[in-house]
Amino acid sequence: MKKAVLMIFLFVGGIQLAQSQIQGGIKGGINYNSNSFTDVKNDVVFDNAKSKTGFHAGAWLRINLPVANLYLRPELVYTQLSNEVSYKYNIADDPKTTTYDFQKIDIPVLVGMKFLKVAHVFGGPSFQYILDSDFNIEDLKQVDSDGFSVGVQFGAGIELGKLGLDVRWERALSDTEAKFIDSNINDVNFDTRVNQIIVGLSYRF
């Protein structure tokens, strides 16, 4: 009987310990993105890429590590971004304006440190997969992208109760080349590496 009671106490204690070591929640916010356009060839010229505000939404876990104040935070985030771009088919033409939109899945795996009870800093790799992308130009509707890339994120934030606010910088490390397909314009490609500032609001369950 004593052994059974002891096992129950150990089981309940183990559940409480696991709950204190692993936390989770949801998050969302805005993204301020800047894409670079390189190696544009032949029939079309892009210029003056301007950032537009995008958004993200997802979920996160925080696993407290044995080392004091350190934690591991994996996330699963859907992100939608947009750029405003000037383009022309010939150098002598007057430029027109279009938008380049794309959606991606981000999986940051961040290591962070807490300090001053409510503040924290973090950084780590971010694995990205582009779901869809296109230009709002009739001749260039479809864009074929490599899809997978790896980046890095660094940031800082505060937590007040169950609410958290953080600001982070993200930069893609690997080249992500994309090509126009099924268009009248041949041999055009550009670099879709992401460089963005992310402002996020999170809620802990």
C-alpha atoms as a PDB file:
ATOM      1  CA  MET A   1       0.000   0.000   0.000  1.00  0.00           C
ATOM      2  CA  LYS A   2       2.810   2.363   0.935  1.00  0.00           C
ATOM      3  CA  LYS A   3       4.553   1.577  -2.365  1.00  0.00           C
ATOM      4  CA  ALA A   4       1.365   2.323  -4.305  1.00  0.00           C
ATOM      5  CA  VAL A   5       0.916   5.684  -2.537  1.00  0.00           C
ATOM      6  CA  LEU A   6       4.594   6.502  -3.183  1.00  0.00           C
ATOM      7  CA  MET A   7       4.219   5.654  -6.892  1.00  0.00           C
ATOM      8  CA  ILE A   8       1.146   7.908  -7.142  1.00  0.00           C
ATOM      9  CA  PHE A   9       3.035  10.801  -5.536  1.00  0.00           C
ATOM     10  CA  LEU A  10       6.000  10.238  -7.871  1.00  0.00           C
ATOM     11  CA  PHE A  11       3.703  10.118 -10.912  1.00  0.00           C
ATOM     12  CA  VAL A  12       1.879  13.323  -9.943  1.00  0.00           C
ATOM     13  CA  GLY A  13       5.195  15.006  -9.158  1.00  0.00           C
ATOM     14  CA  GLY A  14       6.591  13.939 -12.534  1.00  0.00           C
ATOM     15  CA  ILE A  15       3.596  15.435 -14.364  1.00  0.00           C
ATOM     16  CA  GLN A  16       3.941  18.716 -12.476  1.00  0.00           C
ATOM     17  CA  LEU A  17       7.690  18.815 -13.210  1.00  0.00           C
ATOM     18  CA  ALA A  18       7.088  18.189 -16.936  1.00  0.00           C
ATOM     19  CA  GLN A  19       4.447  20.915 -17.003  1.00  0.00           C
ATOM     20  CA  SER A  20       6.848  23.357 -15.353  1.00  0.00           C
ATOM     21  CA  GLN A  21       9.621  22.493 -17.832  1.00  0.00           C
ATOM     22  CA  ILE A  22       7.520  22.605 -21.043  1.00  0.00           C
ATOM     23  CA  GLN A  23       5.232  25.476 -21.930  1.00  0.00           C
ATOM     24  CA  GLY A  24       3.442  26.386 -25.127  1.00  0.00           C
ATOM     25  CA  GLY A  25       1.150  28.846 -26.788  1.00  0.00           C
ATOM     26  CA  ILE A  26       0.144  30.712 -29.919  1.00  0.00           C
ATOM     27  CA  LYS A  27       1.614  33.781 -31.614  1.00  0.00           C
ATOM     28  CA  GLY A  28       0.999  36.277 -34.389  1.00  0.00           C
ATOM     29  CA  GLY A  29       2.227  39.611 -35.635  1.00  0.00           C
ATOM     30  CA  ILE A  30       3.555  41.694 -38.498  1.00  0.00           C
ATOM     31  CA  ASN A  31       6.580  41.266 -40.785  1.00  0.00           C
ATOM     32  CA  TYR A  32       8.500  43.998 -42.551  1.00  0.00           C
ATOM     33  CA  ASN A  33      10.262  42.280 -45.448  1.00  0.00           C
ATOM     34  CA  SER A  34      12.873  43.221 -48.038  1.00  0.00           C
ATOM     35  CA  ASN A  35      13.705  40.849 -50.895  1.00  0.00           C
ATOM     36  CA  SER A  36      16.726  41.227 -53.123  1.00  0.00           C
ATOM     37  CA  PHE A  37      16.436  40.886 -56.912  1.00  0.00           C
ATOM     38  CA  THR A  38      19.563  39.733 -58.731  1.00  0.00           C
ATOM     39  CA  ASP A  39      20.550  38.190 -62.059  1.00  0.00           C
ATOM     40  CA  VAL A  40      17.557  39.581 -63.898  1.00  0.00           C
ATOM     41  CA  LYS A  41      18.176  38.926 -67.596  1.00  0.00           C
ATOM     42  CA  ASN A  42      17.006  39.690 -71.086  1.00  0.00           C
ATOM     43  CA  ASP A  43      13.426  40.818 -71.564  1.00  0.00           C
ATOM     44  CA  VAL A  44      12.447  42.432 -68.271  1.00  0.00           C
ATOM     45  CA  VAL A  45      14.180  44.737 -65.800  1.00  0.00           C
ATOM     46  CA  PHE A  46      13.185  44.977 -62.119  1.00  0.00           C
ATOM     47  CA  ASP A  47      14.184  47.852 -59.902  1.00  0.00           C
ATOM     48  CA  ASN A  48      13.398  49.704 -56.675  1.00  0.00           C
ATOM     49  CA  ALA A  49      12.015  46.827 -54.616  1.00  0.00           C
ATOM     50  CA  LYS A  50      10.059  48.276 -51.690  1.00  0.00           C
ATOM     51  CA  SER A  51       8.983  46.420 -48.601  1.00  0.00           C
ATOM     52  CA  LYS A  52       5.340  46.025 -47.662  1.00  0.00           C
ATOM     53  CA  THR A  53       3.984  44.849 -44.342  1.00  0.00           C
ATOM     54  CA  GLY A  54       3.110  41.142 -44.083  1.00  0.00           C
ATOM     55  CA  PHE A  55       1.869  38.969 -41.244  1.00  0.00           C
ATOM     56  CA  HIS A  56       2.525  35.673 -39.476  1.00  0.00           C
ATOM     57  CA  ALA A  57       0.626  33.293 -37.177  1.00  0.00           C
ATOM     58  CA  GLY A  58       1.583  30.038 -35.511  1.00  0.00           C
ATOM     59  CA  ALA A  59       2.368  28.063 -32.381  1.00  0.00           C
ATOM     60  CA  TRP A  60       5.392  27.663 -30.117  1.00  0.00           C
ATOM     61  CA  LEU A  61       6.876  25.493 -27.376  1.00  0.00           C
ATOM     62  CA  ARG A  62       9.375  26.489 -24.711  1.00  0.00           C
ATOM     63  CA  ILE A  63      11.473  23.799 -23.076  1.00  0.00           C
ATOM     64  CA  ASN A  64      13.377  24.978 -20.011  1.00  0.00           C
ATOM     65  CA  LEU A  65      16.918  23.587 -20.028  1.00  0.00           C
ATOM     66  CA  PRO A  66      18.871  22.317 -16.995  1.00  0.00           C
ATOM     67  CA  VAL A  67      21.229  25.290 -17.287  1.00  0.00           C
ATOM     68  CA  ALA A  68      19.808  28.204 -15.311  1.00  0.00           C
ATOM     69  CA  ASN A  69      17.653  30.661 -17.299  1.00  0.00           C
ATOM     70  CA  LEU A  70      18.244  28.921 -20.669  1.00  0.00           C
ATOM     71  CA  TYR A  71      15.473  27.493 -22.825  1.00  0.00           C
ATOM     72  CA  LEU A  72      14.836  25.916 -26.234  1.00  0.00           C
ATOM     73  CA  ARG A  73      11.958  27.358 -28.280  1.00  0.00           C
ATOM     74  CA  PRO A  74      10.826  25.593 -31.469  1.00  0.00           C
ATOM     75  CA  GLU A  75       8.053  27.281 -33.465  1.00  0.00           C
ATOM     76  CA  LEU A  76       5.790  26.437 -36.393  1.00  0.00           C
ATOM     77  CA  VAL A  77       4.713  29.622 -38.204  1.00  0.00           C
ATOM     78  CA  TYR A  78       2.808  30.506 -41.374  1.00  0.00           C
ATOM     79  CA  THR A  79       4.099  33.739 -42.957  1.00  0.00           C
ATOM     80  CA  GLN A  80       2.738  35.831 -45.822  1.00  0.00           C
ATOM     81  CA  LEU A  81       4.972  38.529 -47.317  1.00  0.00           C
ATOM     82  CA  SER A  82       4.749  41.064 -50.117  1.00  0.00           C
ATOM     83  CA  ASN A  83       7.047  43.434 -52.005  1.00  0.00           C
ATOM     84  CA  GLU A  84       6.257  46.334 -54.303  1.00  0.00           C
ATOM     85  CA  VAL A  85       8.506  46.271 -57.361  1.00  0.00           C
ATOM     86  CA  SER A  86       9.018  48.537 -60.366  1.00  0.00           C
ATOM     87  CA  TYR A  87       9.536  46.765 -63.711  1.00  0.00           C
ATOM     88  CA  LYS A  88       9.872  47.489 -67.423  1.00  0.00           C
ATOM     89  CA  TYR A  89      10.404  45.341 -70.509  1.00  0.00           C
ATOM     90  CA  ASN A  90      12.989  47.693 -72.023  1.00  0.00           C
ATOM     91  CA  ILE A  91      15.380  50.120 -70.373  1.00  0.00           C
ATOM     92  CA  ALA A  92      13.866  53.041 -72.306  1.00  0.00           C
ATOM     93  CA  ASP A  93      10.301  52.276 -71.170  1.00  0.00           C
ATOM     94  CA  ASP A  94       8.551  54.047 -68.317  1.00  0.00           C
ATOM     95  CA  PRO A  95       8.499  51.798 -65.222  1.00  0.00           C
ATOM     96  CA  LYS A  96       5.318  50.095 -64.027  1.00  0.00           C
ATOM     97  CA  THR A  97       4.577  48.897 -60.512  1.00  0.00           C
ATOM     98  CA  THR A  98       3.567  45.427 -59.355  1.00  0.00           C
ATOM     99  CA  THR A  99       3.688  43.308 -56.216  1.00  0.00           C
ATOM    100  CA  TYR A 100       5.523  40.077 -55.528  1.00  0.00           C
ATOM    101  CA  ASP A 101       3.637  37.948 -52.981  1.00  0.00           C
ATOM    102  CA  PHE A 102       4.637  34.705 -51.352  1.00  0.00           C
ATOM    103  CA  GLN A 103       3.655  32.442 -48.486  1.00  0.00           C
ATOM    104  CA  LYS A 104       5.968  30.208 -46.487  1.00  0.00           C
ATOM    105  CA  ILE A 105       6.210  27.919 -43.486  1.00  0.00           C
ATOM    106  CA  ASP A 106       8.885  28.846 -40.934  1.00  0.00           C
ATOM    107  CA  ILE A 107      10.319  26.501 -38.296  1.00  0.00           C
ATOM    108  CA  PRO A 108      12.658  28.515 -36.062  1.00  0.00           C
ATOM    109  CA  VAL A 109      14.605  26.523 -33.442  1.00  0.00           C
ATOM    110  CA  LEU A 110      15.765  29.156 -30.967  1.00  0.00           C
ATOM    111  CA  VAL A 111      17.935  29.076 -27.859  1.00  0.00           C
ATOM    112  CA  GLY A 112      17.130  31.829 -25.385  1.00  0.00           C
ATOM    113  CA  MET A 113      18.123  33.220 -22.013  1.00  0.00           C
ATOM    114  CA  LYS A 114      15.857  34.884 -19.462  1.00  0.00           C
ATOM    115  CA  PHE A 115      16.959  37.828 -17.332  1.00  0.00           C
ATOM    116  CA  LEU A 116      15.415  40.500 -15.103  1.00  0.00           C
ATOM    117  CA  LYS A 117      12.449  38.112 -14.584  1.00  0.00           C
ATOM    118  CA  VAL A 118      10.459  39.481 -17.547  1.00  0.00           C
ATOM    119  CA  ALA A 119      13.055  39.919 -20.341  1.00  0.00           C
ATOM    120  CA  HIS A 120      14.774  37.446 -22.651  1.00  0.00           C
ATOM    121  CA  VAL A 121      17.101  37.281 -25.659  1.00  0.00           C
ATOM    122  CA  PHE A 122      17.285  34.480 -28.212  1.00  0.00           C
ATOM    123  CA  GLY A 123      18.752  33.312 -31.501  1.00  0.00           C
ATOM    124  CA  GLY A 124      19.050  30.287 -33.741  1.00  0.00           C
ATOM    125  CA  PRO A 125      18.396  28.755 -37.164  1.00  0.00           C
ATOM    126  CA  SER A 126      15.111  29.084 -39.043  1.00  0.00           C
ATOM    127  CA  PHE A 127      14.090  26.454 -41.582  1.00  0.00           C
ATOM    128  CA  GLN A 128      11.784  27.794 -44.307  1.00  0.00           C
ATOM    129  CA  TYR A 129       9.652  26.301 -47.030  1.00  0.00           C
ATOM    130  CA  ILE A 130       7.989  28.523 -49.648  1.00  0.00           C
ATOM    131  CA  LEU A 131       4.426  27.351 -50.309  1.00  0.00           C
ATOM    132  CA  ASP A 132       3.476  29.695 -53.129  1.00  0.00           C
ATOM    133  CA  SER A 133       4.736  32.825 -54.877  1.00  0.00           C
ATOM    134  CA  ASP A 134       3.687  34.981 -57.807  1.00  0.00           C
ATOM    135  CA  PHE A 135       3.974  38.373 -59.458  1.00  0.00           C
ATOM    136  CA  ASN A 136       0.839  40.332 -60.216  1.00  0.00           C
ATOM    137  CA  ILE A 137       1.844  40.665 -63.870  1.00  0.00           C
ATOM    138  CA  GLU A 138      -0.197  38.919 -66.539  1.00  0.00           C
ATOM    139  CA  ASP A 139       2.876  37.537 -68.330  1.00  0.00           C
ATOM    140  CA  LEU A 140       4.586  36.477 -65.084  1.00  0.00           C
ATOM    141  CA  LYS A 141       1.855  34.956 -62.978  1.00  0.00           C
ATOM    142  CA  GLN A 142       3.638  31.771 -62.026  1.00  0.00           C
ATOM    143  CA  VAL A 143       6.946  31.619 -60.223  1.00  0.00           C
ATOM    144  CA  ASP A 144       8.849  28.381 -59.691  1.00  0.00           C
ATOM    145  CA  SER A 145      10.917  28.518 -56.488  1.00  0.00           C
ATOM    146  CA  ASP A 146      13.418  26.111 -54.973  1.00  0.00           C
ATOM    147  CA  GLY A 147      11.176  26.138 -51.907  1.00  0.00           C
ATOM    148  CA  PHE A 148      13.456  25.126 -49.032  1.00  0.00           C
ATOM    149  CA  SER A 149      15.990  27.466 -47.430  1.00  0.00           C
ATOM    150  CA  VAL A 150      17.746  28.031 -44.121  1.00  0.00           C
ATOM    151  CA  GLY A 151      18.038  31.322 -42.275  1.00  0.00           C
ATOM    152  CA  VAL A 152      18.887  32.736 -38.873  1.00  0.00           C
ATOM    153  CA  GLN A 153      16.896  34.742 -36.340  1.00  0.00           C
ATOM    154  CA  PHE A 154      18.012  36.965 -33.464  1.00  0.00           C
ATOM    155  CA  GLY A 155      15.793  38.934 -31.134  1.00  0.00           C
ATOM    156  CA  ALA A 156      14.669  40.047 -27.699  1.00  0.00           C
ATOM    157  CA  GLY A 157      11.386  40.349 -25.869  1.00  0.00           C
ATOM    158  CA  ILE A 158       9.472  40.711 -22.640  1.00  0.00           C
ATOM    159  CA  GLU A 159       6.789  38.628 -20.918  1.00  0.00           C
ATOM    160  CA  LEU A 160       4.114  40.044 -18.655  1.00  0.00           C
ATOM    161  CA  GLY A 161       2.092  37.198 -17.248  1.00  0.00           C
ATOM    162  CA  LYS A 162       0.863  35.043 -20.122  1.00  0.00           C
ATOM    163  CA  LEU A 163       1.408  37.748 -22.745  1.00  0.00           C
ATOM    164  CA  GLY A 164       4.707  38.208 -24.550  1.00  0.00           C
ATOM    165  CA  LEU A 165       6.072  40.710 -27.045  1.00  0.00           C
ATOM    166  CA  ASP A 166       9.259  40.243 -29.055  1.00  0.00           C
ATOM    167  CA  VAL A 167      11.130  41.842 -31.938  1.00  0.00           C
ATOM    168  CA  ARG A 168      13.458  39.796 -34.113  1.00  0.00           C
ATOM    169  CA  TRP A 169      15.602  40.087 -37.220  1.00  0.00           C
ATOM    170  CA  GLU A 170      15.661  37.279 -39.780  1.00  0.00           C
ATOM    171  CA  ARG A 171      18.082  36.744 -42.637  1.00  0.00           C
ATOM    172  CA  ALA A 172      18.161  33.815 -45.052  1.00  0.00           C
ATOM    173  CA  LEU A 173      21.578  32.168 -45.301  1.00  0.00           C
ATOM    174  CA  SER A 174      21.061  30.016 -48.392  1.00  0.00           C
ATOM    175  CA  ASP A 175      20.302  31.284 -51.883  1.00  0.00           C
ATOM    176  CA  THR A 176      16.723  30.752 -53.023  1.00  0.00           C
ATOM    177  CA  GLU A 177      16.587  31.156 -56.770  1.00  0.00           C
ATOM    178  CA  ALA A 178      13.223  31.411 -58.487  1.00  0.00           C
ATOM    179  CA  LYS A 179      12.261  31.357 -62.167  1.00  0.00           C
ATOM    180  CA  PHE A 180       9.254  32.537 -64.135  1.00  0.00           C
ATOM    181  CA  ILE A 181       7.431  29.693 -65.850  1.00  0.00           C
ATOM    182  CA  ASP A 182       4.753  29.458 -68.544  1.00  0.00           C
ATOM    183  CA  SER A 183       5.423  33.026 -69.678  1.00  0.00           C
ATOM    184  CA  ASN A 184       6.427  34.864 -72.832  1.00  0.00           C
ATOM    185  CA  ILE A 185       9.549  36.094 -71.069  1.00  0.00           C
ATOM    186  CA  ASN A 186      12.542  33.783 -71.204  1.00  0.00           C
ATOM    187  CA  ASP A 187      15.588  33.267 -69.020  1.00  0.00           C
ATOM    188  CA  VAL A 188      14.613  35.480 -66.086  1.00  0.00           C
ATOM    189  CA  ASN A 189      15.443  34.603 -62.495  1.00  0.00           C
ATOM    190  CA  PHE A 190      15.903  36.384 -59.197  1.00  0.00           C
ATOM    191  CA  ASP A 191      17.016  35.797 -55.623  1.00  0.00           C
ATOM    192  CA  THR A 192      14.142  35.519 -53.125  1.00  0.00           C
ATOM    193  CA  ARG A 193      16.174  35.445 -49.924  1.00  0.00           C
ATOM    194  CA  VAL A 194      14.240  36.958 -47.028  1.00  0.00           C
ATOM    195  CA  ASN A 195      15.582  39.833 -44.943  1.00  0.00           C
ATOM    196  CA  GLN A 196      12.972  41.015 -42.465  1.00  0.00           C
ATOM    197  CA  ILE A 197      12.062  42.551 -39.130  1.00  0.00           C
ATOM    198  CA  ILE A 198       9.401  40.586 -37.233  1.00  0.00           C
ATOM    199  CA  VAL A 199       7.230  41.962 -34.427  1.00  0.00           C
ATOM    200  CA  GLY A 200       5.274  39.248 -32.626  1.00  0.00           C
ATOM    201  CA  LEU A 201       2.707  39.000 -29.852  1.00  0.00           C
ATOM    202  CA  SER A 202       2.382  35.648 -28.056  1.00  0.00           C
ATOM    203  CA  TYR A 203       0.025  34.045 -25.557  1.00  0.00           C
ATOM    204  CA  ARG A 204       1.076  31.242 -23.194  1.00  0.00           C
ATOM    205  CA  PHE A 205      -1.455  28.555 -22.277  1.00  0.00           C
END
